[in-house]
C-alpha cells in the first residue's frame, strides 16, 4: 500500500481563506449573489447575515468601560411589579 504524504505547509497554504465583509445595495444584491454562484464552491463560502440579528463587537476599551459601569452599584435600577386584584 502506497502512502501519499502532503506537506502540512502546502496544505495550509491551499486551504487558507480570507474574510471580506460587503454591504451591497438591494438593487444589485441578487445579481451579485448570482455572480458568486459561478465561482468554485470549494474556493468560496457565502454566508448571508441578517442585520437585524447582527450585534457588532465592542472594542476592549468599550468592554472595560461597560464592566466598570456594571460594577457600580448606584447605576442599577431596581424595578418592581405590582399585583392588582380586579
Protein backbone atom coordinates (compact mmCIF):
# COMPACT_ATOMS: atom_id res chain seq x y z
CA UNK A 1 0.00 0.00 0.00
CA UNK A 2 1.48 3.31 -1.11
CA UNK A 3 1.00 6.39 1.09
CA UNK A 4 0.70 9.87 -0.27
CA UNK A 5 2.13 12.42 2.14
CA UNK A 6 1.25 16.06 1.61
CA UNK A 7 3.45 18.57 3.46
CA UNK A 8 1.37 20.43 6.06
CA UNK A 9 2.70 23.81 4.89
CA UNK A 10 1.36 23.19 1.37
CA UNK A 11 -1.99 22.02 2.78
CA UNK A 12 -2.38 25.11 4.97
CA UNK A 13 -1.49 27.44 2.13
CA UNK A 14 -4.02 25.84 -0.22
CA UNK A 15 -6.88 25.87 2.31
CA UNK A 16 -6.21 29.30 3.79
CA UNK A 17 -9.15 31.65 3.28
CA UNK A 18 -9.65 35.34 3.89
CA UNK A 19 -12.81 37.06 5.05
CA UNK A 20 -14.39 40.03 3.31
CA UNK A 21 -17.38 41.97 4.58
CA UNK A 22 -19.55 43.67 1.96
CA UNK A 23 -22.53 45.98 2.14
CA UNK A 24 -24.46 45.63 -1.09
CA UNK A 25 -27.36 47.75 -2.28
CA UNK A 26 -30.64 45.83 -2.57
CA UNK A 27 -30.93 46.76 -6.24
CA UNK A 28 -27.89 44.62 -7.17
CA UNK A 29 -27.90 42.06 -4.34
CA UNK A 30 -29.48 39.20 -6.31
CA UNK A 31 -27.19 39.86 -9.28
CA UNK A 32 -24.15 39.78 -7.04
CA UNK A 33 -25.24 36.50 -5.42
CA UNK A 34 -25.72 35.00 -8.89
CA UNK A 35 -22.17 36.00 -9.76
CA UNK A 36 -20.85 34.28 -6.61
CA UNK A 37 -22.58 31.05 -7.64
CA UNK A 38 -20.32 30.95 -10.73
CA UNK A 39 -17.21 30.58 -8.57
CA UNK A 40 -16.00 27.13 -7.39
CA UNK A 41 -17.78 26.14 -4.19
CA UNK A 42 -14.56 24.73 -2.76
CA UNK A 43 -12.89 28.14 -3.07
CA UNK A 44 -15.59 30.42 -1.67
CA UNK A 45 -18.08 30.21 1.18
CA UNK A 46 -21.03 32.59 1.24
CA UNK A 47 -22.94 33.36 4.42
CA UNK A 48 -25.74 35.90 4.35
CA UNK A 49 -26.07 37.86 7.59
CA UNK A 50 -29.39 39.36 8.58
CA UNK A 51 -28.62 42.79 10.02
CA UNK A 52 -31.49 42.57 12.47
CA UNK A 53 -29.70 39.84 14.39
CA UNK A 54 -26.13 41.09 13.96
CA UNK A 55 -24.65 42.55 17.12
CA UNK A 56 -21.40 44.39 16.46
CA UNK A 57 -18.37 43.70 18.61
CA UNK A 58 -17.16 46.27 21.11
CA UNK A 59 -13.54 47.30 21.47
CA UNK A 60 -11.53 46.29 24.53
CA UNK A 61 -11.73 49.86 25.84
CA UNK A 62 -15.54 49.89 25.45
CA UNK A 63 -15.77 46.48 27.15
CA UNK A 64 -13.75 47.74 30.14
CA UNK A 65 -15.97 50.84 30.39
CA UNK A 66 -19.13 48.69 30.33
CA UNK A 67 -17.74 46.37 33.02
CA UNK A 68 -16.74 49.37 35.15
CA UNK A 69 -20.26 50.81 34.89
CA UNK A 70 -21.88 47.48 35.76
CA UNK A 71 -19.73 47.15 38.89
CA UNK A 72 -21.10 50.49 40.14
CA UNK A 73 -23.95 49.59 42.49
CA UNK A 74 -25.53 53.05 42.04
CA UNK A 75 -26.09 52.51 38.31
CA UNK A 76 -28.59 49.67 38.72
CA UNK A 77 -32.29 50.41 38.72
CA UNK A 78 -34.48 48.01 40.61
CA UNK A 79 -37.92 47.57 39.17
CA UNK A 80 -40.83 46.02 40.95
CA UNK A 81 -44.13 44.81 39.62
CA UNK A 82 -47.41 45.38 41.34
CA UNK A 83 -50.26 42.87 41.51
CA UNK A 84 -53.68 44.43 41.14
CA UNK A 85 -56.81 42.45 42.07
CA UNK A 86 -59.79 43.05 39.84
